[in-house]
Amino acid sequence: MADRTTERWPALPYAAWKETRDTLHLWTQVVGKVRLALTPWLNHSWHVTLFVTARGLTTSPIAWRGGSFQIDFDFIDHVLWVRTNEGHFRQLMLRPMSVAEFYEDLMIALRELGIEVNIMTMPCEIADCIPFEQDTVHAAYDGEYANRFWRVLLSASEVFARFRTGFLGKASPVHFFWGSFDLAVTRFSGRPAPRHPGGVPHLPDAVAQEAYSHEVSSAGFWPGGGGPIDYAAFYSYAYPAPEVFSAARVLPKEAFFSKELGEFLLPYDAVRTARDPDAALLAFLQSTYDAAADLAKWDRKTLDCALGEPAKVRPT
């Protein structure tokens, strides 16, 4: 049996780390909003996301006055690193502390490195929330479960990245949205979509409308937290959803359509305990995309291709 610190698909029961999950969600929002404040807008809010690394999550380089810096969550040593291209750095130990303390310590670290940034301190996409500087409620950090969460993200990102190679059209990076706290990858048909209605808590309607300006088939991983499900799950949805999309037959057998969320779900535990977890997840990604693309009549002859292979040039 794999060591619990290296297991590829570790157990992630929501109830066991709920408080850590909620605190970590808000910490990632603080970091993500630093990137948001300093980065030019990119289509579909791709400029704000975090990326999975071999140790945690990163902003990737952020331009600053002729140089750059980046902020990294390290979920192995449990450190938040702020590093500049000039070799200077500050670090915050990840431990049980309030969102208010995390926010203050990060702002101090940035100022000490000569980086001045003001961010909007109201969390995004959370209905009942507290401004960062006032939030002394969320203060949990269980390093073991933070590490497990990152390992799930790392494994999922590898499968998502492989799935992404089977598409010739516009596709997003595999990236982590700190607002909704999920890892996602999105394919585009190339056609405009109906105007999104908006209505996301603490998110301007214009942001949601720009994000869904074009037809998509999107999939991702969400660790649970509120709403109709209280467990980790993979998801897949289409916008706009074609007629009878909810009735499509998808794989594996544990996958189902959630009427409350309007998307297909595959419980994480069904993947984790499968004989071949990677294959089970890939089947979910492919079958839900097939349903979305076929029912919406995407031009699959020009958009689809075989999955990529290492060191092998795709034939043209």
Protein backbone atom coordinates (compact mmCIF):
# COMPACT_ATOMS: atom_id res chain seq x y z
CA MET A 1 0.00 0.00 0.00
CA ALA A 2 1.28 3.47 -0.85
CA ASP A 3 2.65 5.66 1.91
CA ARG A 4 -0.01 8.16 2.98
CA THR A 5 2.26 11.09 2.07
CA THR A 6 2.77 9.90 -1.51
CA GLU A 7 -0.54 8.16 -2.28
CA ARG A 8 -1.74 9.31 -5.70
CA TRP A 9 -5.46 9.47 -4.89
CA PRO A 10 -5.71 9.94 -1.09
CA ALA A 11 -8.92 9.89 0.92
CA LEU A 12 -10.43 13.37 1.25
CA PRO A 13 -13.56 13.13 3.42
CA TYR A 14 -15.19 16.55 3.51
CA ALA A 15 -16.25 16.37 7.17
CA ALA A 16 -12.68 15.66 8.30
CA TRP A 17 -11.22 18.87 6.88
CA LYS A 18 -14.19 21.20 6.41
CA GLU A 19 -12.77 23.98 8.57
CA THR A 20 -9.35 23.76 6.93
CA ARG A 21 -10.99 23.71 3.52
CA ASP A 22 -12.97 26.87 4.28
CA THR A 23 -9.91 28.71 5.64
CA LEU A 24 -7.69 27.60 2.76
CA HIS A 25 -10.33 28.73 0.27
CA LEU A 26 -10.11 32.24 1.71
CA TRP A 27 -6.31 32.22 1.85
CA THR A 28 -6.19 31.36 -1.86
CA GLN A 29 -8.58 34.25 -2.50
CA VAL A 30 -6.22 36.69 -0.76
CA VAL A 31 -3.31 35.47 -2.91
CA GLY A 32 -5.40 35.31 -6.07
CA LYS A 33 -6.62 38.87 -5.63
CA VAL A 34 -3.02 40.08 -5.58
CA ARG A 35 -2.60 38.58 -9.05
CA LEU A 36 -5.97 40.01 -10.11
CA ALA A 37 -4.99 43.54 -9.02
CA LEU A 38 -1.73 43.59 -10.98
CA THR A 39 -2.42 41.52 -14.11
CA PRO A 40 -4.02 42.75 -17.37
CA TRP A 41 -7.40 41.19 -18.06
CA LEU A 42 -7.31 38.00 -20.09
CA ASN A 43 -10.32 36.34 -21.71
CA HIS A 44 -12.57 34.32 -19.39
CA SER A 45 -10.65 35.52 -16.30
CA TRP A 46 -7.72 33.25 -17.11
CA HIS A 47 -5.38 35.93 -15.75
CA VAL A 48 -6.52 35.43 -12.15
CA THR A 49 -6.09 31.68 -11.75
CA LEU A 50 -3.54 29.71 -9.75
CA PHE A 51 -1.63 26.72 -11.13
CA VAL A 52 -0.77 23.36 -9.63
CA THR A 53 2.93 22.76 -8.98
CA ALA A 54 5.04 19.84 -7.76
CA ARG A 55 4.66 21.25 -4.23
CA GLY A 56 1.38 23.16 -4.15
CA LEU A 57 -0.16 26.12 -5.97
CA THR A 58 1.40 29.18 -7.58
CA THR A 59 0.35 32.52 -9.03
CA SER A 60 3.09 32.12 -11.68
CA PRO A 61 5.19 35.28 -12.29
CA ILE A 62 3.41 38.60 -11.76
CA ALA A 63 4.93 41.63 -13.46
CA TRP A 64 5.97 44.45 -11.14
CA ARG A 65 7.85 47.61 -12.15
CA GLY A 66 10.21 46.04 -14.65
CA GLY A 67 10.62 42.84 -12.69
CA SER A 68 8.38 40.11 -11.38
CA PHE A 69 7.41 38.16 -8.29
CA GLN A 70 5.32 35.14 -7.55
CA ILE A 71 3.50 33.67 -4.57
CA ASP A 72 3.61 29.94 -3.93
CA PHE A 73 1.73 27.68 -1.55
CA ASP A 74 4.02 24.81 -0.51
CA PHE A 75 1.86 22.03 0.93
CA ILE A 76 4.83 19.77 1.64
CA ASP A 77 6.76 22.07 3.98
CA HIS A 78 3.63 24.17 4.67
CA VAL A 79 5.07 27.53 3.74
CA LEU A 80 3.77 30.44 1.69
CA TRP A 81 6.65 31.85 -0.36
CA VAL A 82 6.80 35.33 -1.88
CA ARG A 83 9.80 35.48 -4.23
CA THR A 84 11.10 38.18 -6.57
CA ASN A 85 13.18 37.80 -9.71
CA GLU A 86 15.97 39.66 -7.89
CA GLY A 87 16.38 36.80 -5.43
CA HIS A 88 14.60 38.41 -2.48
CA PHE A 89 11.90 36.52 -0.61
CA ARG A 90 9.63 36.41 2.38
CA GLN A 91 7.85 33.40 3.82
CA LEU A 92 4.81 32.75 5.97
CA MET A 93 4.48 29.47 7.80
CA LEU A 94 1.14 27.82 7.04
CA ARG A 95 -0.42 27.03 10.40
CA PRO A 96 -3.71 27.58 12.19
CA MET A 97 -4.27 31.34 11.91
CA SER A 98 -7.16 33.58 11.00
CA VAL A 99 -7.81 34.94 7.54
CA ALA A 100 -7.27 38.42 9.01
CA GLU A 101 -3.80 37.46 10.24
CA PHE A 102 -2.90 35.77 6.95
CA TYR A 103 -4.03 38.83 5.00
CA GLU A 104 -2.07 41.22 7.22
CA ASP A 105 1.09 39.09 7.16
CA LEU A 106 1.01 38.75 3.38
CA MET A 107 0.52 42.50 2.89
CA ILE A 108 3.47 43.17 5.23
CA ALA A 109 5.64 40.67 3.33
CA LEU A 110 4.80 42.33 0.02
CA ARG A 111 5.56 45.81 1.35
CA GLU A 112 8.90 44.61 2.73
CA LEU A 113 9.76 43.46 -0.79
CA GLY A 114 8.79 46.87 -2.18
CA ILE A 115 5.51 45.69 -3.67
CA GLU A 116 2.56 47.99 -3.06
CA VAL A 117 -0.82 46.51 -3.92
CA ASN A 118 -4.38 47.20 -2.81
CA ILE A 119 -6.92 44.43 -3.21
CA MET A 120 -10.68 44.20 -2.78
CA THR A 121 -11.02 42.42 0.55
CA MET A 122 -14.55 41.07 0.17
CA PRO A 123 -14.37 37.39 -0.83
CA CYS A 124 -15.83 36.39 -4.20
CA GLU A 125 -18.44 33.73 -4.99
CA ILE A 126 -19.28 33.10 -1.32
CA ALA A 127 -22.75 34.08 -0.20
CA ASP A 128 -22.17 34.80 3.49
CA CYS A 129 -18.69 36.21 3.81
CA ILE A 130 -16.55 38.55 5.86
CA PRO A 131 -13.92 41.01 4.57
CA PHE A 132 -10.45 39.51 4.92
CA GLU A 133 -9.20 42.06 7.43
CA GLN A 134 -12.18 41.36 9.72
CA ASP A 135 -12.30 37.57 9.42
CA THR A 136 -11.19 36.00 12.69
CA VAL A 137 -13.73 33.18 12.30
CA HIS A 138 -11.87 31.04 9.77
CA ALA A 139 -8.57 30.03 11.35
CA ALA A 140 -8.07 26.28 10.83
CA TYR A 141 -5.17 24.57 9.09
CA ASP A 142 -4.61 20.82 9.14
CA GLY A 143 -1.41 20.26 7.20
CA GLU A 144 -2.15 16.61 6.44
CA TYR A 145 -5.44 17.43 4.73
CA ALA A 146 -4.01 20.44 2.92
CA ASN A 147 -1.37 18.06 1.57
CA ARG A 148 -3.99 15.50 0.58
CA PHE A 149 -5.99 18.16 -1.24
CA TRP A 150 -2.92 19.24 -3.19
CA ARG A 151 -2.12 15.64 -4.12
CA VAL A 152 -5.65 15.21 -5.50
CA LEU A 153 -5.20 18.42 -7.50
CA LEU A 154 -1.85 17.18 -8.81
CA SER A 155 -3.25 13.82 -9.91
CA ALA A 156 -6.37 15.37 -11.42
CA SER A 157 -4.34 18.00 -13.28
CA GLU A 158 -2.29 15.26 -14.94
CA VAL A 159 -5.43 13.54 -16.22
CA PHE A 160 -7.00 16.86 -17.24
CA ALA A 161 -3.83 17.81 -19.13
CA ARG A 162 -3.89 14.51 -21.03
CA PHE A 163 -7.56 14.99 -21.85
CA ARG A 164 -6.80 18.52 -23.11
CA THR A 165 -4.44 17.13 -25.78
CA GLY A 166 -7.38 15.52 -27.61
CA PHE A 167 -8.76 18.84 -28.83
CA LEU A 168 -7.61 21.13 -31.64
CA GLY A 169 -9.92 24.05 -30.87
CA LYS A 170 -9.60 26.75 -28.24
CA ALA A 171 -9.08 25.25 -24.80
CA SER A 172 -8.21 26.73 -21.44
CA PRO A 173 -5.13 25.82 -19.44
CA VAL A 174 -5.65 23.39 -16.58
CA HIS A 175 -5.96 25.95 -13.82
CA PHE A 176 -7.32 26.58 -10.33
CA PHE A 177 -10.07 29.14 -9.77
CA TRP A 178 -9.80 30.52 -6.24
CA GLY A 179 -13.27 32.09 -6.37
CA SER A 180 -15.09 28.79 -6.76
CA PHE A 181 -12.16 26.78 -5.30
CA ASP A 182 -11.94 24.25 -8.11
CA LEU A 183 -9.55 22.92 -10.71
CA ALA A 184 -10.93 23.26 -14.23
CA VAL A 185 -10.30 22.72 -17.93
CA THR A 186 -12.62 24.09 -20.62
CA ARG A 187 -13.17 23.46 -24.33
CA PHE A 188 -14.80 25.97 -26.69
CA SER A 189 -16.87 25.30 -29.79
CA GLY A 190 -15.89 28.65 -31.30
CA ARG A 191 -19.48 29.91 -31.38
CA PRO A 192 -20.90 32.77 -29.28
CA ALA A 193 -23.18 31.86 -26.38
CA PRO A 194 -26.35 33.51 -25.06
CA ARG A 195 -25.74 36.24 -22.50
CA HIS A 196 -25.10 34.72 -19.08
CA PRO A 197 -27.65 35.82 -16.44
CA GLY A 198 -24.99 36.50 -13.79
CA GLY A 199 -26.15 36.40 -10.19
CA VAL A 200 -22.99 34.85 -8.70
CA PRO A 201 -22.51 36.08 -5.09
CA HIS A 202 -20.04 38.98 -4.80
CA LEU A 203 -19.06 38.71 -8.47
CA PRO A 204 -19.96 41.44 -10.96
CA ASP A 205 -22.36 40.15 -13.61
CA ALA A 206 -19.98 41.47 -16.26
CA VAL A 207 -17.32 39.00 -15.12
CA ALA A 208 -19.63 35.99 -15.45
CA GLN A 209 -20.96 37.26 -18.77
CA GLU A 210 -17.46 37.65 -20.21
CA ALA A 211 -16.43 34.24 -18.85
CA TYR A 212 -19.34 32.58 -20.66
CA SER A 213 -19.32 34.69 -23.79
CA HIS A 214 -18.79 31.57 -25.92
CA GLU A 215 -20.11 28.02 -25.97
CA VAL A 216 -18.21 25.70 -23.63
CA SER A 217 -17.89 22.20 -22.35
CA SER A 218 -16.13 22.48 -19.00
CA ALA A 219 -14.96 19.93 -16.46
CA GLY A 220 -13.19 20.08 -13.15
CA PHE A 221 -12.66 18.95 -9.57
CA TRP A 222 -14.31 20.51 -6.55
CA PRO A 223 -13.57 19.38 -2.96
CA GLY A 224 -17.10 20.01 -1.70
CA GLY A 225 -18.40 22.67 0.62
CA GLY A 226 -21.97 23.86 0.93
CA GLY A 227 -24.70 23.59 -1.64
CA PRO A 228 -26.43 20.34 -2.53
CA ILE A 229 -23.34 18.14 -2.10
CA ASP A 230 -20.99 17.82 0.85
CA TYR A 231 -18.35 15.59 -0.74
CA ALA A 232 -15.52 15.95 -3.21
CA ALA A 233 -16.51 15.37 -6.81
CA PHE A 234 -15.53 15.79 -10.42
CA TYR A 235 -18.00 17.76 -12.52
CA SER A 236 -18.80 18.46 -16.15
CA TYR A 237 -21.26 20.92 -17.65
CA ALA A 238 -22.11 22.64 -20.91
CA TYR A 239 -23.05 26.28 -21.42
CA PRO A 240 -25.53 26.68 -22.85
CA ALA A 241 -26.77 23.20 -21.97
CA PRO A 242 -28.24 21.45 -25.02
CA GLU A 243 -31.70 19.94 -24.81
CA VAL A 244 -31.79 16.49 -23.19
CA PHE A 245 -28.17 16.95 -22.03
CA SER A 246 -29.23 15.81 -18.57
CA ALA A 247 -30.44 12.49 -20.01
CA ALA A 248 -27.17 11.62 -21.75
CA ARG A 249 -25.53 8.35 -20.82
CA VAL A 250 -22.04 8.93 -19.46
CA LEU A 251 -19.25 6.92 -17.86
CA PRO A 252 -18.41 5.48 -15.41
CA LYS A 253 -21.60 4.06 -13.92
CA GLU A 254 -21.24 6.11 -10.72
CA ALA A 255 -21.62 9.38 -12.65
CA PHE A 256 -25.00 11.13 -12.55
CA PHE A 257 -26.67 14.39 -13.48
CA SER A 258 -27.39 16.78 -10.61
CA LYS A 259 -30.55 18.78 -11.26
CA GLU A 260 -29.65 21.17 -8.44
CA LEU A 261 -26.28 22.04 -9.98
CA GLY A 262 -27.20 21.49 -13.63
CA GLU A 263 -24.15 19.37 -14.31
CA PHE A 264 -22.82 15.85 -14.28
CA LEU A 265 -21.05 14.72 -11.12
CA LEU A 266 -18.69 11.84 -10.41
CA PRO A 267 -17.97 11.41 -6.69
CA TYR A 268 -14.25 11.56 -5.96
CA ASP A 269 -14.44 8.35 -3.96
CA ALA A 270 -15.70 6.51 -7.05
CA VAL A 271 -12.50 7.52 -8.84
CA ARG A 272 -10.21 6.94 -5.87
CA THR A 273 -11.46 3.39 -5.33
CA ALA A 274 -11.68 2.42 -9.02
CA ARG A 275 -9.39 -0.32 -10.33
CA ASP A 276 -7.81 2.29 -12.62
CA PRO A 277 -8.63 5.78 -11.26
CA ASP A 278 -7.00 7.64 -14.15
CA ALA A 279 -8.97 5.65 -16.72
CA ALA A 280 -12.23 6.15 -14.80
CA LEU A 281 -11.70 9.92 -14.68
CA LEU A 282 -10.70 10.10 -18.33
CA ALA A 283 -13.86 8.16 -19.28
CA PHE A 284 -15.95 10.71 -17.38
CA LEU A 285 -14.24 13.64 -19.08
CA GLN A 286 -14.54 12.15 -22.53
CA SER A 287 -18.11 10.85 -22.27
CA THR A 288 -19.51 14.10 -20.86
CA TYR A 289 -17.72 16.10 -23.55
CA ASP A 290 -19.06 13.71 -26.19
CA ALA A 291 -22.59 14.31 -24.92
CA ALA A 292 -22.20 18.10 -24.87
CA ALA A 293 -20.51 18.35 -28.27
CA ASP A 294 -22.80 15.91 -30.06
CA LEU A 295 -26.05 17.33 -28.70
CA ALA A 296 -24.96 20.90 -29.44
CA LYS A 297 -23.71 19.88 -32.89
CA TRP A 298 -20.14 21.08 -32.51
CA ASP A 299 -17.94 20.72 -35.59
CA ARG A 300 -16.14 17.72 -34.18
CA LYS A 301 -14.35 16.83 -37.42
CA THR A 302 -12.26 19.99 -37.13
CA LEU A 303 -12.13 20.24 -33.32
CA ASP A 304 -11.29 16.71 -32.14
CA CYS A 305 -8.09 14.69 -32.46
CA ALA A 306 -6.38 11.73 -30.85
CA LEU A 307 -4.78 12.17 -27.45
CA GLY A 308 -1.22 13.42 -27.63
CA GLU A 309 1.78 11.17 -27.03
CA PRO A 310 5.17 12.14 -25.56
CA ALA A 311 7.82 13.15 -28.13
CA LYS A 312 5.48 12.36 -31.05
CA VAL A 313 4.52 15.20 -33.41
CA ARG A 314 0.80 15.32 -34.12
CA PRO A 315 0.16 14.44 -37.78
CA THR A 316 -1.39 17.16 -39.94
